[in-house]
Amino acid sequence: MRVRARHGVMEQEQRVGQDFLVSIEAETDQERATLSDDLADTVSYADICDLVRSEMAQPSRLLEHVCGRVARALLAQFPTLRQVTVRITKLAPPITGLQCEGCGVELTVLKNR
């Protein structure tokens, strides 16, 4: 998902903000959902997106911090999740002379059992 947020070390990034791409991979037991065809037996993409938007709205200096917050919030909010991978890409990193499609961080967190 594409989200406007205010993450970064530089004051300008915190004040103005920019666009980020957020990708979530969530592992959960899907057996019940494959049999029931009932949304109650899985985790709703819409609910995941709502949580991500909420976490992305809280400014942080480091993308590592944001990834950790998002991952922990997902595991806390959705008890059936076993692990999550959060990828956040800053689409326009403020690095002089850099031409790229973005710079980002990926973090995988396993649920404590």
PDB file of N, CA and C in Angstrom:
ATOM      1  N   MET A   1       0.838  -1.172   0.000  1.00  0.00           N
ATOM      2  CA  MET A   1       0.000   0.000   0.000  1.00  0.00           C
ATOM      3  C   MET A   1       0.885   1.237   0.000  1.00  0.00           C
ATOM      4  N   ARG A   2       0.391   2.284  -0.567  1.00  0.00           N
ATOM      5  CA  ARG A   2       1.124   3.552  -0.608  1.00  0.00           C
ATOM      6  C   ARG A   2       0.558   4.450   0.481  1.00  0.00           C
ATOM      7  N   VAL A   3       1.465   4.999   1.307  1.00  0.00           N
ATOM      8  CA  VAL A   3       1.042   5.795   2.464  1.00  0.00           C
ATOM      9  C   VAL A   3       1.884   7.067   2.531  1.00  0.00           C
ATOM     10  N   ARG A   4       1.250   8.160   2.800  1.00  0.00           N
ATOM     11  CA  ARG A   4       1.965   9.421   3.052  1.00  0.00           C
ATOM     12  C   ARG A   4       2.279   9.463   4.544  1.00  0.00           C
ATOM     13  N   ALA A   5       3.551   9.700   4.886  1.00  0.00           N
ATOM     14  CA  ALA A   5       3.948   9.700   6.298  1.00  0.00           C
ATOM     15  C   ALA A   5       5.134  10.632   6.501  1.00  0.00           C
ATOM     16  N   ARG A   6       5.497  10.833   7.763  1.00  0.00           N
ATOM     17  CA  ARG A   6       6.564  11.769   8.118  1.00  0.00           C
ATOM     18  C   ARG A   6       7.674  11.054   8.882  1.00  0.00           C
ATOM     19  N   HIS A   7       8.330  10.121   8.214  1.00  0.00           N
ATOM     20  CA  HIS A   7       9.436   9.392   8.822  1.00  0.00           C
ATOM     21  C   HIS A   7      10.752   9.863   8.221  1.00  0.00           C
ATOM     22  N   GLY A   8      11.767   9.977   9.059  1.00  0.00           N
ATOM     23  CA  GLY A   8      13.090  10.339   8.569  1.00  0.00           C
ATOM     24  C   GLY A   8      13.895  11.069   9.618  1.00  0.00           C
ATOM     25  N   VAL A   9      15.179  11.087   9.395  1.00  0.00           N
ATOM     26  CA  VAL A   9      16.106  11.735  10.321  1.00  0.00           C
ATOM     27  C   VAL A   9      16.118  13.242  10.111  1.00  0.00           C
ATOM     28  N   MET A  10      15.945  13.670   8.877  1.00  0.00           N
ATOM     29  CA  MET A  10      16.011  15.108   8.575  1.00  0.00           C
ATOM     30  C   MET A  10      14.718  15.821   8.981  1.00  0.00           C
ATOM     31  N   GLU A  11      14.885  17.043   9.458  1.00  0.00           N
ATOM     32  CA  GLU A  11      13.739  17.834   9.909  1.00  0.00           C
ATOM     33  C   GLU A  11      12.696  18.010   8.806  1.00  0.00           C
ATOM     34  N   GLN A  12      13.154  18.230   7.583  1.00  0.00           N
ATOM     35  CA  GLN A  12      12.244  18.411   6.441  1.00  0.00           C
ATOM     36  C   GLN A  12      11.346  17.184   6.253  1.00  0.00           C
ATOM     37  N   GLU A  13      11.910  15.981   6.407  1.00  0.00           N
ATOM     38  CA  GLU A  13      11.127  14.749   6.247  1.00  0.00           C
ATOM     39  C   GLU A  13      10.027  14.663   7.303  1.00  0.00           C
ATOM     40  N   GLN A  14      10.355  15.074   8.513  1.00  0.00           N
ATOM     41  CA  GLN A  14       9.391  15.022   9.607  1.00  0.00           C
ATOM     42  C   GLN A  14       8.301  16.085   9.430  1.00  0.00           C
ATOM     43  N   ARG A  15       8.681  17.224   8.876  1.00  0.00           N
ATOM     44  CA  ARG A  15       7.727  18.326   8.730  1.00  0.00           C
ATOM     45  C   ARG A  15       6.812  18.134   7.519  1.00  0.00           C
ATOM     46  N   VAL A  16       7.392  17.829   6.355  1.00  0.00           N
ATOM     47  CA  VAL A  16       6.637  17.773   5.105  1.00  0.00           C
ATOM     48  C   VAL A  16       6.080  16.385   4.823  1.00  0.00           C
ATOM     49  N   GLY A  17       6.885  15.357   5.088  1.00  0.00           N
ATOM     50  CA  GLY A  17       6.464  13.994   4.797  1.00  0.00           C
ATOM     51  C   GLY A  17       6.703  13.626   3.350  1.00  0.00           C
ATOM     52  N   GLN A  18       6.461  12.368   3.047  1.00  0.00           N
ATOM     53  CA  GLN A  18       6.611  11.854   1.693  1.00  0.00           C
ATOM     54  C   GLN A  18       5.882  10.525   1.580  1.00  0.00           C
ATOM     55  N   ASP A  19       5.907   9.958   0.387  1.00  0.00           N
ATOM     56  CA  ASP A  19       5.217   8.690   0.149  1.00  0.00           C
ATOM     57  C   ASP A  19       6.123   7.505   0.454  1.00  0.00           C
ATOM     58  N   PHE A  20       5.508   6.477   1.030  1.00  0.00           N
ATOM     59  CA  PHE A  20       6.170   5.222   1.353  1.00  0.00           C
ATOM     60  C   PHE A  20       5.350   4.081   0.774  1.00  0.00           C
ATOM     61  N   LEU A  21       6.021   3.014   0.389  1.00  0.00           N
ATOM     62  CA  LEU A  21       5.339   1.770   0.040  1.00  0.00           C
ATOM     63  C   LEU A  21       5.481   0.832   1.223  1.00  0.00           C
ATOM     64  N   VAL A  22       4.371   0.238   1.628  1.00  0.00           N
ATOM     65  CA  VAL A  22       4.369  -0.712   2.738  1.00  0.00           C
ATOM     66  C   VAL A  22       3.830  -2.037   2.216  1.00  0.00           C
ATOM     67  N   SER A  23       4.585  -3.086   2.474  1.00  0.00           N
ATOM     68  CA  SER A  23       4.176  -4.428   2.078  1.00  0.00           C
ATOM     69  C   SER A  23       4.162  -5.303   3.324  1.00  0.00           C
ATOM     70  N   ILE A  24       3.090  -6.066   3.475  1.00  0.00           N
ATOM     71  CA  ILE A  24       2.939  -6.946   4.629  1.00  0.00           C
ATOM     72  C   ILE A  24       2.760  -8.379   4.146  1.00  0.00           C
ATOM     73  N   GLU A  25       3.544  -9.275   4.702  1.00  0.00           N
ATOM     74  CA  GLU A  25       3.325 -10.712   4.520  1.00  0.00           C
ATOM     75  C   GLU A  25       2.982 -11.253   5.897  1.00  0.00           C
ATOM     76  N   ALA A  26       1.829 -11.902   5.996  1.00  0.00           N
ATOM     77  CA  ALA A  26       1.359 -12.410   7.285  1.00  0.00           C
ATOM     78  C   ALA A  26       1.109 -13.911   7.182  1.00  0.00           C
ATOM     79  N   GLU A  27       1.679 -14.640   8.109  1.00  0.00           N
ATOM     80  CA  GLU A  27       1.495 -16.093   8.108  1.00  0.00           C
ATOM     81  C   GLU A  27       0.517 -16.471   9.221  1.00  0.00           C
ATOM     82  N   THR A  28      -0.499 -17.215   8.820  1.00  0.00           N
ATOM     83  CA  THR A  28      -1.517 -17.673   9.753  1.00  0.00           C
ATOM     84  C   THR A  28      -2.058 -19.015   9.266  1.00  0.00           C
ATOM     85  N   ASP A  29      -2.753 -19.713  10.119  1.00  0.00           N
ATOM     86  CA  ASP A  29      -3.367 -20.982   9.734  1.00  0.00           C
ATOM     87  C   ASP A  29      -4.615 -20.672   8.902  1.00  0.00           C
ATOM     88  N   GLN A  30      -4.612 -21.083   7.671  1.00  0.00           N
ATOM     89  CA  GLN A  30      -5.716 -20.778   6.757  1.00  0.00           C
ATOM     90  C   GLN A  30      -6.674 -21.950   6.546  1.00  0.00           C
ATOM     91  N   GLU A  31      -6.449 -23.052   7.216  1.00  0.00           N
ATOM     92  CA  GLU A  31      -7.253 -24.248   6.957  1.00  0.00           C
ATOM     93  C   GLU A  31      -8.747 -23.997   7.147  1.00  0.00           C
ATOM     94  N   ARG A  32      -9.133 -23.368   8.249  1.00  0.00           N
ATOM     95  CA  ARG A  32     -10.567 -23.123   8.487  1.00  0.00           C
ATOM     96  C   ARG A  32     -11.176 -22.267   7.380  1.00  0.00           C
ATOM     97  N   ALA A  33     -10.456 -21.228   6.977  1.00  0.00           N
ATOM     98  CA  ALA A  33     -10.978 -20.340   5.927  1.00  0.00           C
ATOM     99  C   ALA A  33     -11.109 -21.055   4.590  1.00  0.00           C
ATOM    100  N   THR A  34     -10.202 -21.989   4.302  1.00  0.00           N
ATOM    101  CA  THR A  34     -10.291 -22.710   3.032  1.00  0.00           C
ATOM    102  C   THR A  34     -11.517 -23.610   2.988  1.00  0.00           C
ATOM    103  N   LEU A  35     -11.983 -24.018   4.157  1.00  0.00           N
ATOM    104  CA  LEU A  35     -13.166 -24.883   4.221  1.00  0.00           C
ATOM    105  C   LEU A  35     -14.464 -24.095   4.369  1.00  0.00           C
ATOM    106  N   SER A  36     -14.431 -23.017   5.144  1.00  0.00           N
ATOM    107  CA  SER A  36     -15.660 -22.306   5.490  1.00  0.00           C
ATOM    108  C   SER A  36     -16.051 -21.199   4.512  1.00  0.00           C
ATOM    109  N   ASP A  37     -15.054 -20.582   3.848  1.00  0.00           N
ATOM    110  CA  ASP A  37     -15.301 -19.414   3.008  1.00  0.00           C
ATOM    111  C   ASP A  37     -15.901 -18.275   3.825  1.00  0.00           C
ATOM    112  N   ASP A  38     -15.477 -18.172   5.097  1.00  0.00           N
ATOM    113  CA  ASP A  38     -16.013 -17.184   6.034  1.00  0.00           C
ATOM    114  C   ASP A  38     -14.885 -16.247   6.473  1.00  0.00           C
ATOM    115  N   LEU A  39     -15.091 -14.950   6.322  1.00  0.00           N
ATOM    116  CA  LEU A  39     -14.092 -13.955   6.696  1.00  0.00           C
ATOM    117  C   LEU A  39     -13.701 -14.061   8.166  1.00  0.00           C
ATOM    118  N   ALA A  40     -14.601 -14.511   9.003  1.00  0.00           N
ATOM    119  CA  ALA A  40     -14.310 -14.652  10.433  1.00  0.00           C
ATOM    120  C   ALA A  40     -13.214 -15.693  10.703  1.00  0.00           C
ATOM    121  N   ASP A  41     -12.930 -16.536   9.733  1.00  0.00           N
ATOM    122  CA  ASP A  41     -11.918 -17.584   9.909  1.00  0.00           C
ATOM    123  C   ASP A  41     -10.544 -17.198   9.351  1.00  0.00           C
ATOM    124  N   THR A  42     -10.362 -15.926   9.058  1.00  0.00           N
ATOM    125  CA  THR A  42      -9.068 -15.459   8.554  1.00  0.00           C
ATOM    126  C   THR A  42      -8.825 -14.044   9.073  1.00  0.00           C
ATOM    127  N   VAL A  43      -7.793 -13.391   8.578  1.00  0.00           N
ATOM    128  CA  VAL A  43      -7.499 -12.008   8.930  1.00  0.00           C
ATOM    129  C   VAL A  43      -7.841 -11.139   7.721  1.00  0.00           C
ATOM    130  N   SER A  44      -8.645 -10.132   7.955  1.00  0.00           N
ATOM    131  CA  SER A  44      -9.107  -9.247   6.878  1.00  0.00           C
ATOM    132  C   SER A  44      -7.984  -8.328   6.395  1.00  0.00           C
ATOM    133  N   TYR A  45      -7.779  -8.266   5.081  1.00  0.00           N
ATOM    134  CA  TYR A  45      -6.804  -7.330   4.510  1.00  0.00           C
ATOM    135  C   TYR A  45      -7.150  -5.902   4.921  1.00  0.00           C
ATOM    136  N   ALA A  46      -8.431  -5.580   4.926  1.00  0.00           N
ATOM    137  CA  ALA A  46      -8.855  -4.219   5.273  1.00  0.00           C
ATOM    138  C   ALA A  46      -8.443  -3.864   6.697  1.00  0.00           C
ATOM    139  N   ASP A  47      -8.582  -4.803   7.618  1.00  0.00           N
ATOM    140  CA  ASP A  47      -8.187  -4.551   9.005  1.00  0.00           C
ATOM    141  C   ASP A  47      -6.674  -4.360   9.119  1.00  0.00           C
ATOM    142  N   ILE A  48      -5.912  -5.147   8.360  1.00  0.00           N
ATOM    143  CA  ILE A  48      -4.456  -4.980   8.342  1.00  0.00           C
ATOM    144  C   ILE A  48      -4.100  -3.590   7.812  1.00  0.00           C
ATOM    145  N   CYS A  49      -4.743  -3.170   6.737  1.00  0.00           N
ATOM    146  CA  CYS A  49      -4.472  -1.848   6.163  1.00  0.00           C
ATOM    147  C   CYS A  49      -4.798  -0.728   7.142  1.00  0.00           C
ATOM    148  N   ASP A  50      -5.894  -0.850   7.864  1.00  0.00           N
ATOM    149  CA  ASP A  50      -6.256   0.160   8.863  1.00  0.00           C
ATOM    150  C   ASP A  50      -5.177   0.278   9.938  1.00  0.00           C
ATOM    151  N   LEU A  51      -4.689  -0.853  10.412  1.00  0.00           N
ATOM    152  CA  LEU A  51      -3.650  -0.844  11.438  1.00  0.00           C
ATOM    153  C   LEU A  51      -2.359  -0.231  10.893  1.00  0.00           C
ATOM    154  N   VAL A  52      -1.981  -0.596   9.669  1.00  0.00           N
ATOM    155  CA  VAL A  52      -0.767  -0.042   9.064  1.00  0.00           C
ATOM    156  C   VAL A  52      -0.885   1.475   8.929  1.00  0.00           C
ATOM    157  N   ARG A  53      -2.013   1.958   8.447  1.00  0.00           N
ATOM    158  CA  ARG A  53      -2.216   3.417   8.320  1.00  0.00           C
ATOM    159  C   ARG A  53      -2.052   4.106   9.674  1.00  0.00           C
ATOM    160  N   SER A  54      -2.607   3.514  10.704  1.00  0.00           N
ATOM    161  CA  SER A  54      -2.515   4.088  12.049  1.00  0.00           C
ATOM    162  C   SER A  54      -1.068   4.155  12.533  1.00  0.00           C
ATOM    163  N   GLU A  55      -0.316   3.087  12.349  1.00  0.00           N
ATOM    164  CA  GLU A  55       1.089   3.065  12.772  1.00  0.00           C
ATOM    165  C   GLU A  55       1.943   4.004  11.928  1.00  0.00           C
ATOM    166  N   MET A  56       1.668   4.077  10.638  1.00  0.00           N
ATOM    167  CA  MET A  56       2.440   4.959   9.755  1.00  0.00           C
ATOM    168  C   MET A  56       2.180   6.433  10.058  1.00  0.00           C
ATOM    169  N   ALA A  57       1.061   6.741  10.682  1.00  0.00           N
ATOM    170  CA  ALA A  57       0.726   8.127  11.024  1.00  0.00           C
ATOM    171  C   ALA A  57       1.561   8.649  12.189  1.00  0.00           C
ATOM    172  N   GLN A  58       2.256   7.768  12.888  1.00  0.00           N
ATOM    173  CA  GLN A  58       3.106   8.170  14.014  1.00  0.00           C
ATOM    174  C   GLN A  58       4.540   8.339  13.510  1.00  0.00           C
ATOM    175  N   PRO A  59       5.043   9.567  13.438  1.00  0.00           N
ATOM    176  CA  PRO A  59       6.381   9.798  12.892  1.00  0.00           C
ATOM    177  C   PRO A  59       7.478   9.082  13.685  1.00  0.00           C
ATOM    178  N   SER A  60       8.460   8.586  12.954  1.00  0.00           N
ATOM    179  CA  SER A  60       9.663   7.979  13.533  1.00  0.00           C
ATOM    180  C   SER A  60      10.857   8.440  12.728  1.00  0.00           C
ATOM    181  N   ARG A  61      12.008   8.425  13.351  1.00  0.00           N
ATOM    182  CA  ARG A  61      13.246   8.781  12.644  1.00  0.00           C
ATOM    183  C   ARG A  61      13.707   7.632  11.753  1.00  0.00           C
ATOM    184  N   LEU A  62      13.597   6.396  12.247  1.00  0.00           N
ATOM    185  CA  LEU A  62      14.150   5.241  11.529  1.00  0.00           C
ATOM    186  C   LEU A  62      13.059   4.327  10.992  1.00  0.00           C
ATOM    187  N   LEU A  63      13.243   3.864   9.763  1.00  0.00           N
ATOM    188  CA  LEU A  63      12.298   2.900   9.191  1.00  0.00           C
ATOM    189  C   LEU A  63      12.334   1.583   9.958  1.00  0.00           C
ATOM    190  N   GLU A  64      13.485   1.233  10.530  1.00  0.00           N
ATOM    191  CA  GLU A  64      13.575   0.026  11.346  1.00  0.00           C
ATOM    192  C   GLU A  64      12.588   0.099  12.513  1.00  0.00           C
ATOM    193  N   HIS A  65      12.493   1.280  13.116  1.00  0.00           N
ATOM    194  CA  HIS A  65      11.564   1.485  14.232  1.00  0.00           C
ATOM    195  C   HIS A  65      10.116   1.329  13.777  1.00  0.00           C
ATOM    196  N   VAL A  66       9.809   1.917  12.629  1.00  0.00           N
ATOM    197  CA  VAL A  66       8.445   1.818  12.091  1.00  0.00           C
ATOM    198  C   VAL A  66       8.099   0.360  11.798  1.00  0.00           C
ATOM    199  N   CYS A  67       9.008  -0.360  11.132  1.00  0.00           N
ATOM    200  CA  CYS A  67       8.775  -1.777  10.822  1.00  0.00           C
ATOM    201  C   CYS A  67       8.505  -2.564  12.104  1.00  0.00           C
ATOM    202  N   GLY A  68       9.301  -2.342  13.123  1.00  0.00           N
ATOM    203  CA  GLY A  68       9.109  -3.046  14.390  1.00  0.00           C
ATOM    204  C   GLY A  68       7.773  -2.739  15.022  1.00  0.00           C
ATOM    205  N   ARG A  69       7.389  -1.469  15.006  1.00  0.00           N
ATOM    206  CA  ARG A  69       6.081  -1.078  15.573  1.00  0.00           C
ATOM    207  C   ARG A  69       4.941  -1.739  14.823  1.00  0.00           C
ATOM    208  N   VAL A  70       5.005  -1.700  13.495  1.00  0.00           N
ATOM    209  CA  VAL A  70       3.943  -2.297  12.675  1.00  0.00           C
ATOM    210  C   VAL A  70       3.869  -3.800  12.938  1.00  0.00           C
ATOM    211  N   ALA A  71       5.001  -4.469  12.928  1.00  0.00           N
ATOM    212  CA  ALA A  71       5.018  -5.927  13.136  1.00  0.00           C
ATOM    213  C   ALA A  71       4.446  -6.297  14.500  1.00  0.00           C
ATOM    214  N   ARG A  72       4.899  -5.618  15.545  1.00  0.00           N
ATOM    215  CA  ARG A  72       4.396  -5.928  16.901  1.00  0.00           C
ATOM    216  C   ARG A  72       2.903  -5.636  17.027  1.00  0.00           C
ATOM    217  N   ALA A  73       2.451  -4.555  16.416  1.00  0.00           N
ATOM    218  CA  ALA A  73       1.026  -4.211  16.472  1.00  0.00           C
ATOM    219  C   ALA A  73       0.179  -5.260  15.750  1.00  0.00           C
ATOM    220  N   LEU A  74       0.658  -5.724  14.595  1.00  0.00           N
ATOM    221  CA  LEU A  74      -0.082  -6.757  13.860  1.00  0.00           C
ATOM    222  C   LEU A  74      -0.193  -8.039  14.680  1.00  0.00           C
ATOM    223  N   LEU A  75       0.918  -8.477  15.263  1.00  0.00           N
ATOM    224  CA  LEU A  75       0.902  -9.712  16.052  1.00  0.00           C
ATOM    225  C   LEU A  75       0.018  -9.572  17.288  1.00  0.00           C
ATOM    226  N   ALA A  76      -0.018  -8.393  17.875  1.00  0.00           N
ATOM    227  CA  ALA A  76      -0.862  -8.160  19.053  1.00  0.00           C
ATOM    228  C   ALA A  76      -2.343  -8.090  18.681  1.00  0.00           C
ATOM    229  N   GLN A  77      -2.639  -7.443  17.571  1.00  0.00           N
ATOM    230  CA  GLN A  77      -4.033  -7.233  17.163  1.00  0.00           C
ATOM    231  C   GLN A  77      -4.690  -8.493  16.605  1.00  0.00           C
ATOM    232  N   PHE A  78      -3.896  -9.325  15.941  1.00  0.00           N
ATOM    233  CA  PHE A  78      -4.442 -10.505  15.272  1.00  0.00           C
ATOM    234  C   PHE A  78      -3.790 -11.764  15.851  1.00  0.00           C
ATOM    235  N   PRO A  79      -4.397 -12.348  16.862  1.00  0.00           N
ATOM    236  CA  PRO A  79      -3.780 -13.466  17.587  1.00  0.00           C
ATOM    237  C   PRO A  79      -3.502 -14.703  16.734  1.00  0.00           C
ATOM    238  N   THR A  80      -4.175 -14.860  15.607  1.00  0.00           N
ATOM    239  CA  THR A  80      -3.946 -16.052  14.781  1.00  0.00           C
ATOM    240  C   THR A  80      -2.690 -15.937  13.922  1.00  0.00           C
ATOM    241  N   LEU A  81      -2.086 -14.749  13.841  1.00  0.00           N
ATOM    242  CA  LEU A  81      -0.864 -14.596  13.055  1.00  0.00           C
ATOM    243  C   LEU A  81       0.299 -15.300  13.747  1.00  0.00           C
ATOM    244  N   ARG A  82       1.100 -16.015  12.950  1.00  0.00           N
ATOM    245  CA  ARG A  82       2.284 -16.715  13.468  1.00  0.00           C
ATOM    246  C   ARG A  82       3.538 -15.866  13.304  1.00  0.00           C
ATOM    247  N   GLN A  83       3.600 -15.164  12.183  1.00  0.00           N
ATOM    248  CA  GLN A  83       4.719 -14.268  11.923  1.00  0.00           C
ATOM    249  C   GLN A  83       4.294 -13.257  10.885  1.00  0.00           C
ATOM    250  N   VAL A  84       4.999 -12.129  10.874  1.00  0.00           N
ATOM    251  CA  VAL A  84       4.749 -11.100   9.865  1.00  0.00           C
ATOM    252  C   VAL A  84       6.077 -10.590   9.330  1.00  0.00           C
ATOM    253  N   THR A  85       6.056 -10.240   8.056  1.00  0.00           N
ATOM    254  CA  THR A  85       7.179  -9.547   7.436  1.00  0.00           C
ATOM    255  C   THR A  85       6.665  -8.195   6.978  1.00  0.00           C
ATOM    256  N   VAL A  86       7.340  -7.155   7.415  1.00  0.00           N
ATOM    257  CA  VAL A  86       6.965  -5.782   7.069  1.00  0.00           C
ATOM    258  C   VAL A  86       8.093  -5.198   6.236  1.00  0.00           C
ATOM    259  N   ARG A  87       7.743  -4.679   5.061  1.00  0.00           N
ATOM    260  CA  ARG A  87       8.696  -4.010   4.190  1.00  0.00           C
ATOM    261  C   ARG A  87       8.219  -2.575   3.996  1.00  0.00           C
ATOM    262  N   ILE A  88       9.079  -1.617   4.303  1.00  0.00           N
ATOM    263  CA  ILE A  88       8.738  -0.206   4.104  1.00  0.00           C
ATOM    264  C   ILE A  88       9.817   0.426   3.237  1.00  0.00           C
ATOM    265  N   THR A  89       9.367   1.057   2.152  1.00  0.00           N
ATOM    266  CA  THR A  89      10.283   1.699   1.214  1.00  0.00           C
ATOM    267  C   THR A  89       9.988   3.184   1.144  1.00  0.00           C
ATOM    268  N   LYS A  90      11.018   3.987   1.384  1.00  0.00           N
ATOM    269  CA  LYS A  90      10.934   5.444   1.221  1.00  0.00           C
ATOM    270  C   LYS A  90      11.169   5.711  -0.259  1.00  0.00           C
ATOM    271  N   LEU A  91      10.172   6.252  -0.939  1.00  0.00           N
ATOM    272  CA  LEU A  91      10.241   6.382  -2.394  1.00  0.00           C
ATOM    273  C   LEU A  91      11.185   7.475  -2.876  1.00  0.00           C
ATOM    274  N   ALA A  92      11.390   8.505  -2.058  1.00  0.00           N
ATOM    275  CA  ALA A  92      12.267   9.606  -2.478  1.00  0.00           C
ATOM    276  C   ALA A  92      13.245   9.940  -1.356  1.00  0.00           C
ATOM    277  N   PRO A  93      14.206   9.052  -1.105  1.00  0.00           N
ATOM    278  CA  PRO A  93      15.154   9.325  -0.017  1.00  0.00           C
ATOM    279  C   PRO A  93      15.977  10.581  -0.319  1.00  0.00           C
ATOM    280  N   PRO A  94      16.181  11.427   0.694  1.00  0.00           N
ATOM    281  CA  PRO A  94      16.887  12.693   0.465  1.00  0.00           C
ATOM    282  C   PRO A  94      18.408  12.504   0.455  1.00  0.00           C
ATOM    283  N   ILE A  95      18.898  11.828  -0.575  1.00  0.00           N
ATOM    284  CA  ILE A  95      20.326  11.575  -0.718  1.00  0.00           C
ATOM    285  C   ILE A  95      20.778  12.236  -2.014  1.00  0.00           C
ATOM    286  N   THR A  96      21.629  13.224  -1.919  1.00  0.00           N
ATOM    287  CA  THR A  96      22.081  13.987  -3.074  1.00  0.00           C
ATOM    288  C   THR A  96      22.682  13.070  -4.138  1.00  0.00           C
ATOM    289  N   GLY A  97      22.197  13.219  -5.351  1.00  0.00           N
ATOM    290  CA  GLY A  97      22.724  12.483  -6.483  1.00  0.00           C
ATOM    291  C   GLY A  97      22.228  11.061  -6.627  1.00  0.00           C
ATOM    292  N   LEU A  98      21.430  10.592  -5.688  1.00  0.00           N
ATOM    293  CA  LEU A  98      20.937   9.210  -5.750  1.00  0.00           C
ATOM    294  C   LEU A  98      19.738   9.125  -6.681  1.00  0.00           C
ATOM    295  N   GLN A  99      19.807   8.208  -7.634  1.00  0.00           N
ATOM    296  CA  GLN A  99      18.676   7.922  -8.496  1.00  0.00           C
ATOM    297  C   GLN A  99      18.302   6.469  -8.277  1.00  0.00           C
ATOM    298  N   CYS A 100      17.141   6.253  -7.655  1.00  0.00           N
ATOM    299  CA  CYS A 100      16.709   4.889  -7.360  1.00  0.00           C
ATOM    300  C   CYS A 100      15.189   4.877  -7.228  1.00  0.00           C
ATOM    301  N   GLU A 101      14.648   3.695  -7.091  1.00  0.00           N
ATOM    302  CA  GLU A 101      13.205   3.552  -6.915  1.00  0.00           C
ATOM    303  C   GLU A 101      12.822   3.599  -5.445  1.00  0.00           C
ATOM    304  N   GLY A 102      13.789   3.816  -4.573  1.00  0.00           N
ATOM    305  CA  GLY A 102      13.522   3.947  -3.150  1.00  0.00           C
ATOM    306  C   GLY A 102      14.525   3.167  -2.329  1.00  0.00           C
ATOM    307  N   CYS A 103      14.553   3.482  -1.050  1.00  0.00           N
ATOM    308  CA  CYS A 103      15.390   2.783  -0.077  1.00  0.00           C
ATOM    309  C   CYS A 103      14.472   2.292   1.024  1.00  0.00           C
ATOM    310  N   GLY A 104      14.728   1.092   1.518  1.00  0.00           N
ATOM    311  CA  GLY A 104      13.804   0.580   2.513  1.00  0.00           C
ATOM    312  C   GLY A 104      14.402  -0.434   3.462  1.00  0.00           C
ATOM    313  N   VAL A 105      13.530  -0.925   4.301  1.00  0.00           N
ATOM    314  CA  VAL A 105      13.874  -1.881   5.354  1.00  0.00           C
ATOM    315  C   VAL A 105      12.846  -2.992   5.329  1.00  0.00           C
ATOM    316  N   GLU A 106      13.313  -4.207   5.597  1.00  0.00           N
ATOM    317  CA  GLU A 106      12.427  -5.372   5.730  1.00  0.00           C
ATOM    318  C   GLU A 106      12.723  -6.038   7.061  1.00  0.00           C
ATOM    319  N   LEU A 107      11.665  -6.405   7.775  1.00  0.00           N
ATOM    320  CA  LEU A 107      11.802  -7.028   9.086  1.00  0.00           C
ATOM    321  C   LEU A 107      10.787  -8.148   9.216  1.00  0.00           C
ATOM    322  N   THR A 108      11.243  -9.325   9.651  1.00  0.00           N
ATOM    323  CA  THR A 108      10.353 -10.442   9.932  1.00  0.00           C
ATOM    324  C   THR A 108      10.351 -10.692  11.426  1.00  0.00           C
ATOM    325  N   VAL A 109       9.148 -10.791  11.995  1.00  0.00           N
ATOM    326  CA  VAL A 109       8.998 -11.011  13.428  1.00  0.00           C
ATOM    327  C   VAL A 109       8.106 -12.237  13.652  1.00  0.00           C
ATOM    328  N   LEU A 110       8.601 -13.156  14.446  1.00  0.00           N
ATOM    329  CA  LEU A 110       7.831 -14.347  14.826  1.00  0.00           C
ATOM    330  C   LEU A 110       7.055 -14.064  16.096  1.00  0.00           C
ATOM    331  N   LYS A 111       5.876 -14.644  16.193  1.00  0.00           N
ATOM    332  CA  LYS A 111       5.085 -14.488  17.411  1.00  0.00           C
ATOM    333  C   LYS A 111       5.753 -15.256  18.535  1.00  0.00           C
ATOM    334  N   ASN A 112       5.829 -14.636  19.708  1.00  0.00           N
ATOM    335  CA  ASN A 112       6.338 -15.342  20.890  1.00  0.00           C
ATOM    336  C   ASN A 112       5.329 -16.386  21.294  1.00  0.00           C
ATOM    337  N   ARG A 113       5.803 -17.587  21.500  1.00  0.00           N
ATOM    338  CA  ARG A 113       4.865 -18.661  21.829  1.00  0.00           C
ATOM    339  C   ARG A 113       4.840 -18.939  23.284  1.00  0.00           C
TER     340      ARG A 113
END
